Amino acid sequence: MVNVVSLECEKTDPIQVRPVGQTSKNLNQRNNKMKKRITSTLLLAVFAFMAVDAIAQETEEHVRMEYLLCSLNEGFTFQDVINNAKEYGELVTADGSKYSQFMMRPMIIGERFEGITHIIAGMWPDGKELYKEYGNYVNKYIDERSENSPHTCNITFATMDRIVINDFRENETIDQRWPLQLADCNLKEGASMDSAIQIQKDAHQAAVANGMRGYGVNFQVPYLGFQDSEIDFLSAVWWQSFEHRGNMAQNYYKIAETHGQSMNSVASCKNDRAYFVERIFTTWE
């Protein structure tokens, strides 16, 4: 997985989404392509809807995420996208929904997502809030149109997230834009999600003992929009600053042999890719 473990072992130095700021004033051409929420590259939607709830029942540990893969339209900037999204955030706030939106931009992702300039990620605290916000969107705003959208978003998928590690440090450096790394992961035969989670927790204790903090790990289980998936989960690792990321890159060797081998014994991950993330708006903490 893109666990903290595999990240450094591989010598490489890894939430959810609404109309990216579409409001009654500017709903970003949320046409059939953009609103095609059940599209991606990983599991039949019906199977995902049935199977995920069977293996990952709703608990306080789960948040819901949705991702829109987007391309910036000619003549527009990323700031235009952010400003547009904030307009929708005002509507979400007025509706009383609990929803956050982020922009992810690539740092090192290879050719896999050629043509994708950014990803809009949306997050809800649970499934109830997800469908509350969806309901407001489709009943109040979906039919609004704008011929002047700053971007085009054609691919959407959603996950259920297990929050494995959350070592946010309030009194330490916090960047406005922070690093995130993702990878596609499969459990090995006989291994369970619980065993992978426990290994991450053990690795975290070792990381803390060696001065590596200010990071988090989520396991993201496919929920909606995944077609022909061959993965069990996405591994997402974030750092609250590039300083914290650099510190782990510099010191991970101290725990890599033990904990890297442990993680590799229960899961295999590929397609590691790195982004930087910034918050657009949030209506809940």
C-alpha atoms as a PDB file:
ATOM      1  CA  MET A   1       0.000   0.000   0.000  1.00  0.00           C
ATOM      2  CA  VAL A   2       1.045   3.548  -0.043  1.00  0.00           C
ATOM      3  CA  ASN A   3       1.537   3.012   3.500  1.00  0.00           C
ATOM      4  CA  VAL A   4       4.062   5.063   5.218  1.00  0.00           C
ATOM      5  CA  VAL A   5       5.959   1.891   5.106  1.00  0.00           C
ATOM      6  CA  SER A   6       6.124   1.275   1.374  1.00  0.00           C
ATOM      7  CA  LEU A   7       6.646   4.922   0.501  1.00  0.00           C
ATOM      8  CA  GLU A   8      10.183   5.083   1.757  1.00  0.00           C
ATOM      9  CA  CYS A   9      11.050   1.459   1.134  1.00  0.00           C
ATOM     10  CA  GLU A  10      10.610   2.093  -2.568  1.00  0.00           C
ATOM     11  CA  LYS A  11      13.118   4.945  -2.324  1.00  0.00           C
ATOM     12  CA  THR A  12      10.484   7.514  -3.313  1.00  0.00           C
ATOM     13  CA  ASP A  13      10.682  10.662  -1.460  1.00  0.00           C
ATOM     14  CA  PRO A  14       0.048   8.098  -0.383  1.00  0.00           C
ATOM     15  CA  ILE A  15     -10.357  12.375  -0.011  1.00  0.00           C
ATOM     16  CA  GLN A  16     -15.606  12.858  -2.259  1.00  0.00           C
ATOM     17  CA  VAL A  17     -17.227  15.559  -4.579  1.00  0.00           C
ATOM     18  CA  ARG A  18     -19.687  18.154  -5.605  1.00  0.00           C
ATOM     19  CA  PRO A  19     -19.971  20.434  -8.521  1.00  0.00           C
ATOM     20  CA  VAL A  20     -16.755  22.211  -8.262  1.00  0.00           C
ATOM     21  CA  GLY A  21     -18.224  25.431  -7.148  1.00  0.00           C
ATOM     22  CA  GLN A  22     -21.364  25.382  -9.212  1.00  0.00           C
ATOM     23  CA  THR A  23     -24.052  27.662  -7.859  1.00  0.00           C
ATOM     24  CA  SER A  24     -27.300  29.096  -9.094  1.00  0.00           C
ATOM     25  CA  LYS A  25     -25.054  31.748 -10.600  1.00  0.00           C
ATOM     26  CA  ASN A  26     -22.495  29.421 -12.085  1.00  0.00           C
ATOM     27  CA  LEU A  27     -23.077  25.662 -11.863  1.00  0.00           C
ATOM     28  CA  ASN A  28     -20.179  24.770 -14.122  1.00  0.00           C
ATOM     29  CA  GLN A  29     -21.939  22.965 -16.943  1.00  0.00           C
ATOM     30  CA  ARG A  30     -22.727  20.106 -14.649  1.00  0.00           C
ATOM     31  CA  ASN A  31     -23.983  18.207 -17.677  1.00  0.00           C
ATOM     32  CA  ASN A  32     -24.300  14.490 -18.103  1.00  0.00           C
ATOM     33  CA  LYS A  33     -20.566  14.077 -18.437  1.00  0.00           C
ATOM     34  CA  MET A  34     -19.716  15.930 -15.236  1.00  0.00           C
ATOM     35  CA  LYS A  35     -22.563  14.434 -13.303  1.00  0.00           C
ATOM     36  CA  LYS A  36     -21.602  10.915 -14.340  1.00  0.00           C
ATOM     37  CA  ARG A  37     -20.846   9.957 -10.775  1.00  0.00           C
ATOM     38  CA  ILE A  38     -20.479   6.296 -11.450  1.00  0.00           C
ATOM     39  CA  THR A  39     -17.429   6.191 -13.686  1.00  0.00           C
ATOM     40  CA  SER A  40     -13.769   5.260 -13.139  1.00  0.00           C
ATOM     41  CA  THR A  41     -11.408   2.405 -13.668  1.00  0.00           C
ATOM     42  CA  LEU A  42     -11.941  -0.025 -10.872  1.00  0.00           C
ATOM     43  CA  LEU A  43     -15.322  -2.109  -9.952  1.00  0.00           C
ATOM     44  CA  LEU A  44     -18.799  -2.615 -11.258  1.00  0.00           C
ATOM     45  CA  ALA A  45     -20.926  -0.034  -9.513  1.00  0.00           C
ATOM     46  CA  VAL A  46     -23.632  -2.457  -8.430  1.00  0.00           C
ATOM     47  CA  PHE A  47     -21.074  -4.840  -6.970  1.00  0.00           C
ATOM     48  CA  ALA A  48     -19.318  -1.978  -5.195  1.00  0.00           C
ATOM     49  CA  PHE A  49     -22.565  -0.739  -3.703  1.00  0.00           C
ATOM     50  CA  MET A  50     -23.470  -4.168  -2.353  1.00  0.00           C
ATOM     51  CA  ALA A  51     -20.075  -5.576  -1.448  1.00  0.00           C
ATOM     52  CA  VAL A  52     -18.506  -2.613   0.270  1.00  0.00           C
ATOM     53  CA  ASP A  53     -21.319  -2.270   2.753  1.00  0.00           C
ATOM     54  CA  ALA A  54     -20.887  -5.950   3.492  1.00  0.00           C
ATOM     55  CA  ILE A  55     -17.195  -5.685   4.302  1.00  0.00           C
ATOM     56  CA  ALA A  56     -17.057  -2.138   5.683  1.00  0.00           C
ATOM     57  CA  GLN A  57     -20.082  -1.310   7.798  1.00  0.00           C
ATOM     58  CA  GLU A  58     -20.634   2.328   8.677  1.00  0.00           C
ATOM     59  CA  THR A  59     -18.752   3.280  11.831  1.00  0.00           C
ATOM     60  CA  GLU A  60     -17.382   6.474  13.309  1.00  0.00           C
ATOM     61  CA  GLU A  61     -14.110   5.623  11.585  1.00  0.00           C
ATOM     62  CA  HIS A  62     -15.597   6.044   8.129  1.00  0.00           C
ATOM     63  CA  VAL A  63     -15.830   9.240   6.159  1.00  0.00           C
ATOM     64  CA  ARG A  64     -17.100   9.370   2.596  1.00  0.00           C
ATOM     65  CA  MET A  65     -15.009  10.784  -0.225  1.00  0.00           C
ATOM     66  CA  GLU A  66     -15.740  11.600  -3.857  1.00  0.00           C
ATOM     67  CA  TYR A  67     -13.249  12.518  -6.565  1.00  0.00           C
ATOM     68  CA  LEU A  68     -13.784  14.442  -9.810  1.00  0.00           C
ATOM     69  CA  LEU A  69     -11.011  14.164 -12.401  1.00  0.00           C
ATOM     70  CA  CYS A  70     -10.902  17.485 -14.242  1.00  0.00           C
ATOM     71  CA  SER A  71      -9.196  19.442 -17.004  1.00  0.00           C
ATOM     72  CA  LEU A  72      -8.748  23.198 -16.838  1.00  0.00           C
ATOM     73  CA  ASN A  73     -10.551  24.940 -19.698  1.00  0.00           C
ATOM     74  CA  GLU A  74      -8.651  27.296 -21.986  1.00  0.00           C
ATOM     75  CA  GLY A  75      -8.395  30.832 -20.700  1.00  0.00           C
ATOM     76  CA  PHE A  76      -9.052  29.929 -17.064  1.00  0.00           C
ATOM     77  CA  THR A  77      -6.812  29.534 -14.034  1.00  0.00           C
ATOM     78  CA  PHE A  78      -6.894  27.337 -10.960  1.00  0.00           C
ATOM     79  CA  GLN A  79      -7.908  30.399  -8.967  1.00  0.00           C
ATOM     80  CA  ASP A  80     -10.999  30.652 -11.174  1.00  0.00           C
ATOM     81  CA  VAL A  81     -11.874  27.081 -10.227  1.00  0.00           C
ATOM     82  CA  ILE A  82     -11.392  27.838  -6.526  1.00  0.00           C
ATOM     83  CA  ASN A  83     -13.465  31.024  -6.658  1.00  0.00           C
ATOM     84  CA  ASN A  84     -16.241  29.204  -8.479  1.00  0.00           C
ATOM     85  CA  ALA A  85     -16.227  26.368  -5.968  1.00  0.00           C
ATOM     86  CA  LYS A  86     -16.460  28.771  -3.043  1.00  0.00           C
ATOM     87  CA  GLU A  87     -19.739  30.046  -4.468  1.00  0.00           C
ATOM     88  CA  TYR A  88     -21.163  26.550  -4.171  1.00  0.00           C
ATOM     89  CA  GLY A  89     -19.722  26.359  -0.666  1.00  0.00           C
ATOM     90  CA  GLU A  90     -21.918  29.293   0.309  1.00  0.00           C
ATOM     91  CA  LEU A  91     -24.983  27.354  -0.823  1.00  0.00           C
ATOM     92  CA  VAL A  92     -23.872  24.249   1.078  1.00  0.00           C
ATOM     93  CA  THR A  93     -23.459  26.343   4.210  1.00  0.00           C
ATOM     94  CA  ALA A  94     -26.917  27.841   3.786  1.00  0.00           C
ATOM     95  CA  ASP A  95     -28.403  24.356   3.320  1.00  0.00           C
ATOM     96  CA  GLY A  96     -26.832  23.176   6.578  1.00  0.00           C
ATOM     97  CA  SER A  97     -24.903  20.327   4.936  1.00  0.00           C
ATOM     98  CA  LYS A  98     -21.601  19.009   6.303  1.00  0.00           C
ATOM     99  CA  TYR A  99     -19.314  18.987   3.299  1.00  0.00           C
ATOM    100  CA  SER A 100     -15.720  19.946   2.509  1.00  0.00           C
ATOM    101  CA  GLN A 101     -14.037  20.416  -0.844  1.00  0.00           C
ATOM    102  CA  PHE A 102     -10.365  20.299  -1.795  1.00  0.00           C
ATOM    103  CA  MET A 103      -8.253  20.707  -4.909  1.00  0.00           C
ATOM    104  CA  MET A 104      -5.539  18.156  -5.695  1.00  0.00           C
ATOM    105  CA  ARG A 105      -2.888  18.986  -8.266  1.00  0.00           C
ATOM    106  CA  PRO A 106      -0.279  16.508  -9.521  1.00  0.00           C
ATOM    107  CA  MET A 107       3.370  16.555  -8.584  1.00  0.00           C
ATOM    108  CA  ILE A 108       4.549  13.128  -9.785  1.00  0.00           C
ATOM    109  CA  ILE A 109       1.861  10.904 -11.327  1.00  0.00           C
ATOM    110  CA  GLY A 110       3.377   9.526 -14.550  1.00  0.00           C
ATOM    111  CA  GLU A 111       1.283   9.223 -17.713  1.00  0.00           C
ATOM    112  CA  ARG A 112      -1.653   7.417 -16.168  1.00  0.00           C
ATOM    113  CA  PHE A 113      -3.852  10.509 -15.965  1.00  0.00           C
ATOM    114  CA  GLU A 114      -2.750  12.300 -19.090  1.00  0.00           C
ATOM    115  CA  GLY A 115      -4.906  15.353 -19.731  1.00  0.00           C
ATOM    116  CA  ILE A 116      -6.091  15.598 -16.116  1.00  0.00           C
ATOM    117  CA  THR A 117      -4.887  18.897 -14.676  1.00  0.00           C
ATOM    118  CA  HIS A 118      -6.476  18.584 -11.226  1.00  0.00           C
ATOM    119  CA  ILE A 119      -8.827  16.604  -9.040  1.00  0.00           C
ATOM    120  CA  ILE A 120     -11.654  18.036  -6.974  1.00  0.00           C
ATOM    121  CA  ALA A 121     -12.137  16.004  -3.804  1.00  0.00           C
ATOM    122  CA  GLY A 122     -15.234  16.220  -1.649  1.00  0.00           C
ATOM    123  CA  MET A 123     -15.630  14.855   1.869  1.00  0.00           C
ATOM    124  CA  TRP A 124     -18.535  14.143   4.193  1.00  0.00           C
ATOM    125  CA  PRO A 125     -18.336  12.847   7.788  1.00  0.00           C
ATOM    126  CA  ASP A 126     -20.632   9.900   7.006  1.00  0.00           C
ATOM    127  CA  GLY A 127     -23.103   8.446   4.517  1.00  0.00           C
ATOM    128  CA  LYS A 128     -26.066  10.337   5.962  1.00  0.00           C
ATOM    129  CA  GLU A 129     -24.429  13.689   5.284  1.00  0.00           C
ATOM    130  CA  LEU A 130     -23.314  12.568   1.829  1.00  0.00           C
ATOM    131  CA  TYR A 131     -26.860  11.852   0.690  1.00  0.00           C
ATOM    132  CA  LYS A 132     -28.239  14.945   2.397  1.00  0.00           C
ATOM    133  CA  GLU A 133     -25.866  17.112   0.399  1.00  0.00           C
ATOM    134  CA  TYR A 134     -26.461  15.072  -2.784  1.00  0.00           C
ATOM    135  CA  GLY A 135     -30.181  15.538  -2.290  1.00  0.00           C
ATOM    136  CA  ASN A 136     -29.881  19.301  -2.009  1.00  0.00           C
ATOM    137  CA  TYR A 137     -27.662  19.369  -5.071  1.00  0.00           C
ATOM    138  CA  VAL A 138     -29.846  17.318  -7.389  1.00  0.00           C
ATOM    139  CA  ASN A 139     -33.110  18.931  -6.261  1.00  0.00           C
ATOM    140  CA  LYS A 140     -31.946  22.548  -6.182  1.00  0.00           C
ATOM    141  CA  TYR A 141     -28.881  23.092  -8.357  1.00  0.00           C
ATOM    142  CA  ILE A 142     -28.204  20.325 -10.872  1.00  0.00           C
ATOM    143  CA  ASP A 143     -30.240  21.887 -13.686  1.00  0.00           C
ATOM    144  CA  GLU A 144     -28.402  25.174 -13.483  1.00  0.00           C
ATOM    145  CA  ARG A 145     -26.018  25.710 -16.392  1.00  0.00           C
ATOM    146  CA  SER A 146     -23.103  27.954 -17.199  1.00  0.00           C
ATOM    147  CA  GLU A 147     -21.441  28.384 -20.562  1.00  0.00           C
ATOM    148  CA  ASN A 148     -18.357  29.758 -18.905  1.00  0.00           C
ATOM    149  CA  SER A 149     -17.121  26.897 -16.734  1.00  0.00           C
ATOM    150  CA  PRO A 150     -13.458  27.115 -15.680  1.00  0.00           C
ATOM    151  CA  HIS A 151     -12.975  23.356 -16.077  1.00  0.00           C
ATOM    152  CA  THR A 152     -14.461  20.115 -17.382  1.00  0.00           C
ATOM    153  CA  CYS A 153     -14.824  17.103 -15.068  1.00  0.00           C
ATOM    154  CA  ASN A 154     -15.850  13.812 -16.694  1.00  0.00           C
ATOM    155  CA  ILE A 155     -14.829  11.037 -14.305  1.00  0.00           C
ATOM    156  CA  THR A 156     -16.190  10.585 -10.790  1.00  0.00           C
ATOM    157  CA  PHE A 157     -15.783   7.892  -8.137  1.00  0.00           C
ATOM    158  CA  ALA A 158     -16.477   7.568  -4.425  1.00  0.00           C
ATOM    159  CA  THR A 159     -14.866   5.726  -1.511  1.00  0.00           C
ATOM    160  CA  MET A 160     -15.537   4.792   2.096  1.00  0.00           C
ATOM    161  CA  ASP A 161     -12.523   5.722   4.187  1.00  0.00           C
ATOM    162  CA  ARG A 162     -11.022   4.058   7.217  1.00  0.00           C
ATOM    163  CA  ILE A 163      -9.033   6.616   9.170  1.00  0.00           C
ATOM    164  CA  VAL A 164      -6.030   4.528  10.183  1.00  0.00           C
ATOM    165  CA  ILE A 165      -3.598   7.184  11.450  1.00  0.00           C
ATOM    166  CA  ASN A 166      -4.276  10.848  12.255  1.00  0.00           C
ATOM    167  CA  ASP A 167      -1.170  12.410  13.777  1.00  0.00           C
ATOM    168  CA  PHE A 168      -1.955  16.054  13.061  1.00  0.00           C
ATOM    169  CA  ARG A 169       0.234  18.386  15.147  1.00  0.00           C
ATOM    170  CA  GLU A 170      -1.449  21.718  15.881  1.00  0.00           C
ATOM    171  CA  ASN A 171       1.686  23.374  17.242  1.00  0.00           C
ATOM    172  CA  GLU A 172       3.910  22.435  14.312  1.00  0.00           C
ATOM    173  CA  THR A 173       4.268  23.667  10.727  1.00  0.00           C
ATOM    174  CA  ILE A 174       1.027  23.579   8.720  1.00  0.00           C
ATOM    175  CA  ASP A 175       1.236  24.348   4.998  1.00  0.00           C
ATOM    176  CA  GLN A 176      -1.609  25.923   3.046  1.00  0.00           C
ATOM    177  CA  ARG A 177      -0.826  23.319   0.394  1.00  0.00           C
ATOM    178  CA  TRP A 178       0.298  19.969   1.709  1.00  0.00           C
ATOM    179  CA  PRO A 179       1.579  16.697   0.149  1.00  0.00           C
ATOM    180  CA  LEU A 180      -0.537  13.610  -0.464  1.00  0.00           C
ATOM    181  CA  GLN A 181       0.444  10.250  -1.900  1.00  0.00           C
ATOM    182  CA  LEU A 182      -1.896   7.566  -3.255  1.00  0.00           C
ATOM    183  CA  ALA A 183      -1.445   3.955  -4.361  1.00  0.00           C
ATOM    184  CA  ASP A 184      -3.655   1.075  -5.544  1.00  0.00           C
ATOM    185  CA  CYS A 185      -3.500  -1.842  -3.108  1.00  0.00           C
ATOM    186  CA  ASN A 186      -4.504  -5.487  -2.806  1.00  0.00           C
ATOM    187  CA  LEU A 187      -4.546  -7.653   0.268  1.00  0.00           C
ATOM    188  CA  LYS A 188      -2.546 -10.825  -0.066  1.00  0.00           C
ATOM    189  CA  GLU A 189      -4.171 -14.214   0.287  1.00  0.00           C
ATOM    190  CA  GLY A 190      -5.242 -14.848   3.855  1.00  0.00           C
ATOM    191  CA  ALA A 191      -4.606 -11.243   4.938  1.00  0.00           C
ATOM    192  CA  SER A 192      -7.318  -8.959   6.289  1.00  0.00           C
ATOM    193  CA  MET A 193      -7.890  -5.229   6.346  1.00  0.00           C
ATOM    194  CA  ASP A 194      -7.619  -5.322  10.128  1.00  0.00           C
ATOM    195  CA  SER A 195      -4.150  -6.852   9.930  1.00  0.00           C
ATOM    196  CA  ALA A 196      -2.994  -4.160   7.492  1.00  0.00           C
ATOM    197  CA  ILE A 197      -4.407  -1.479   9.783  1.00  0.00           C
ATOM    198  CA  GLN A 198      -2.628  -2.919  12.807  1.00  0.00           C
ATOM    199  CA  ILE A 199       0.692  -2.952  10.953  1.00  0.00           C
ATOM    200  CA  GLN A 200       0.193   0.712  10.091  1.00  0.00           C
ATOM    201  CA  LYS A 201      -0.497   1.501  13.743  1.00  0.00           C
ATOM    202  CA  ASP A 202       2.651  -0.352  14.791  1.00  0.00           C
ATOM    203  CA  ALA A 203       4.644   1.538  12.154  1.00  0.00           C
ATOM    204  CA  HIS A 204       3.224   4.791  13.476  1.00  0.00           C
ATOM    205  CA  GLN A 205       4.441   4.049  16.991  1.00  0.00           C
ATOM    206  CA  ALA A 206       7.915   3.384  15.608  1.00  0.00           C
ATOM    207  CA  ALA A 207       7.740   6.558  13.500  1.00  0.00           C
ATOM    208  CA  VAL A 208       6.825   8.651  16.535  1.00  0.00           C
ATOM    209  CA  ALA A 209       9.673   7.119  18.529  1.00  0.00           C
ATOM    210  CA  ASN A 210      12.028   8.226  15.758  1.00  0.00           C
ATOM    211  CA  GLY A 211      10.713  11.766  15.461  1.00  0.00           C
ATOM    212  CA  MET A 212       8.395  11.346  12.443  1.00  0.00           C
ATOM    213  CA  ARG A 213       5.009  12.952  13.057  1.00  0.00           C
ATOM    214  CA  GLY A 214       2.481  15.241  11.404  1.00  0.00           C
ATOM    215  CA  TYR A 215       1.066  12.682   8.969  1.00  0.00           C
ATOM    216  CA  GLY A 216      -1.971  10.480   8.466  1.00  0.00           C
ATOM    217  CA  VAL A 217      -3.020   7.295   6.672  1.00  0.00           C
ATOM    218  CA  ASN A 218      -6.434   6.449   5.229  1.00  0.00           C
ATOM    219  CA  PHE A 219      -7.525   3.196   3.588  1.00  0.00           C
ATOM    220  CA  GLN A 220     -10.127   4.029   0.945  1.00  0.00           C
ATOM    221  CA  VAL A 221     -12.473   1.196  -0.015  1.00  0.00           C
ATOM    222  CA  PRO A 222     -14.198   1.433  -3.446  1.00  0.00           C
ATOM    223  CA  TYR A 223     -17.825   2.483  -3.037  1.00  0.00           C
ATOM    224  CA  LEU A 224     -19.310   3.926  -6.254  1.00  0.00           C
ATOM    225  CA  GLY A 225     -18.062   4.472  -9.792  1.00  0.00           C
ATOM    226  CA  PHE A 226     -15.346   1.817  -9.898  1.00  0.00           C
ATOM    227  CA  GLN A 227     -15.446  -0.353 -13.018  1.00  0.00           C
ATOM    228  CA  ASP A 228     -13.687  -3.701 -13.375  1.00  0.00           C
ATOM    229  CA  SER A 229     -11.682  -3.016 -10.258  1.00  0.00           C
ATOM    230  CA  GLU A 230      -8.774  -5.209  -9.333  1.00  0.00           C
ATOM    231  CA  ILE A 231      -7.952  -3.364  -6.115  1.00  0.00           C
ATOM    232  CA  ASP A 232      -9.098  -3.880  -2.546  1.00  0.00           C
ATOM    233  CA  PHE A 233      -8.394  -0.323  -1.418  1.00  0.00           C
ATOM    234  CA  LEU A 234      -6.579   2.909  -2.140  1.00  0.00           C
ATOM    235  CA  SER A 235      -3.905   3.853   0.335  1.00  0.00           C
ATOM    236  CA  ALA A 236      -3.712   7.590   1.015  1.00  0.00           C
ATOM    237  CA  VAL A 237      -0.933   9.147   3.078  1.00  0.00           C
ATOM    238  CA  TRP A 238      -0.892  12.877   3.846  1.00  0.00           C
ATOM    239  CA  TRP A 239       1.558  15.149   5.634  1.00  0.00           C
ATOM    240  CA  GLN A 240       0.549  18.468   7.169  1.00  0.00           C
ATOM    241  CA  SER A 241       3.554  20.170   5.582  1.00  0.00           C
ATOM    242  CA  PHE A 242       6.378  19.526   3.160  1.00  0.00           C
ATOM    243  CA  GLU A 243       8.707  19.888   6.126  1.00  0.00           C
ATOM    244  CA  HIS A 244       7.097  16.868   7.764  1.00  0.00           C
ATOM    245  CA  ARG A 245       7.247  14.974   4.456  1.00  0.00           C
ATOM    246  CA  GLY A 246      10.936  15.740   4.100  1.00  0.00           C
ATOM    247  CA  ASN A 247      11.625  14.655   7.651  1.00  0.00           C
ATOM    248  CA  MET A 248      10.054  11.268   6.978  1.00  0.00           C
ATOM    249  CA  ALA A 249      11.924  10.906   3.691  1.00  0.00           C
ATOM    250  CA  GLN A 250      15.160  11.570   5.553  1.00  0.00           C
ATOM    251  CA  ASN A 251      14.543   9.277   8.526  1.00  0.00           C
ATOM    252  CA  TYR A 252      12.266   6.472   7.408  1.00  0.00           C
ATOM    253  CA  TYR A 253      15.206   4.125   6.880  1.00  0.00           C
ATOM    254  CA  LYS A 254      15.374   3.778  10.668  1.00  0.00           C
ATOM    255  CA  ILE A 255      12.170   1.712  10.712  1.00  0.00           C
ATOM    256  CA  ALA A 256      11.910   0.623   7.069  1.00  0.00           C
ATOM    257  CA  GLU A 257      13.312  -2.867   7.288  1.00  0.00           C
ATOM    258  CA  THR A 258      11.037  -4.126  10.045  1.00  0.00           C
ATOM    259  CA  HIS A 259       7.814  -2.350   9.224  1.00  0.00           C
ATOM    260  CA  GLY A 260       8.236  -2.334   5.470  1.00  0.00           C
ATOM    261  CA  GLN A 261       8.545  -6.096   5.405  1.00  0.00           C
ATOM    262  CA  SER A 262       5.521  -6.444   7.684  1.00  0.00           C
ATOM    263  CA  MET A 263       3.316  -4.402   5.371  1.00  0.00           C
ATOM    264  CA  ASN A 264       4.591  -6.178   2.291  1.00  0.00           C
ATOM    265  CA  SER A 265       3.587  -9.466   3.873  1.00  0.00           C
ATOM    266  CA  VAL A 266      -0.113  -8.517   3.947  1.00  0.00           C
ATOM    267  CA  ALA A 267      -0.598  -6.130   0.999  1.00  0.00           C
ATOM    268  CA  SER A 268       0.924  -5.204  -2.334  1.00  0.00           C
ATOM    269  CA  CYS A 269       0.567  -1.721  -3.833  1.00  0.00           C
ATOM    270  CA  LYS A 270       1.355  -0.130  -7.174  1.00  0.00           C
ATOM    271  CA  ASN A 271       0.833   3.057  -9.182  1.00  0.00           C
ATOM    272  CA  ASP A 272       2.205   5.361  -6.478  1.00  0.00           C
ATOM    273  CA  ARG A 273       1.421   8.974  -7.321  1.00  0.00           C
ATOM    274  CA  ALA A 274       1.995  12.263  -5.515  1.00  0.00           C
ATOM    275  CA  TYR A 275      -0.170  15.395  -5.338  1.00  0.00           C
ATOM    276  CA  PHE A 276      -0.348  18.610  -3.405  1.00  0.00           C
ATOM    277  CA  VAL A 277      -3.665  19.534  -1.841  1.00  0.00           C
ATOM    278  CA  GLU A 278      -5.364  22.712  -0.663  1.00  0.00           C
ATOM    279  CA  ARG A 279      -8.702  23.254   1.026  1.00  0.00           C
ATOM    280  CA  ILE A 280     -11.330  25.217  -0.923  1.00  0.00           C
ATOM    281  CA  PHE A 281     -14.051  25.317   1.725  1.00  0.00           C
ATOM    282  CA  THR A 282     -15.487  23.334   4.610  1.00  0.00           C
ATOM    283  CA  THR A 283     -18.744  23.501   6.549  1.00  0.00           C
ATOM    284  CA  TRP A 284     -17.693  21.079   9.308  1.00  0.00           C
ATOM    285  CA  GLU A 285     -14.626  20.276  11.369  1.00  0.00           C
END
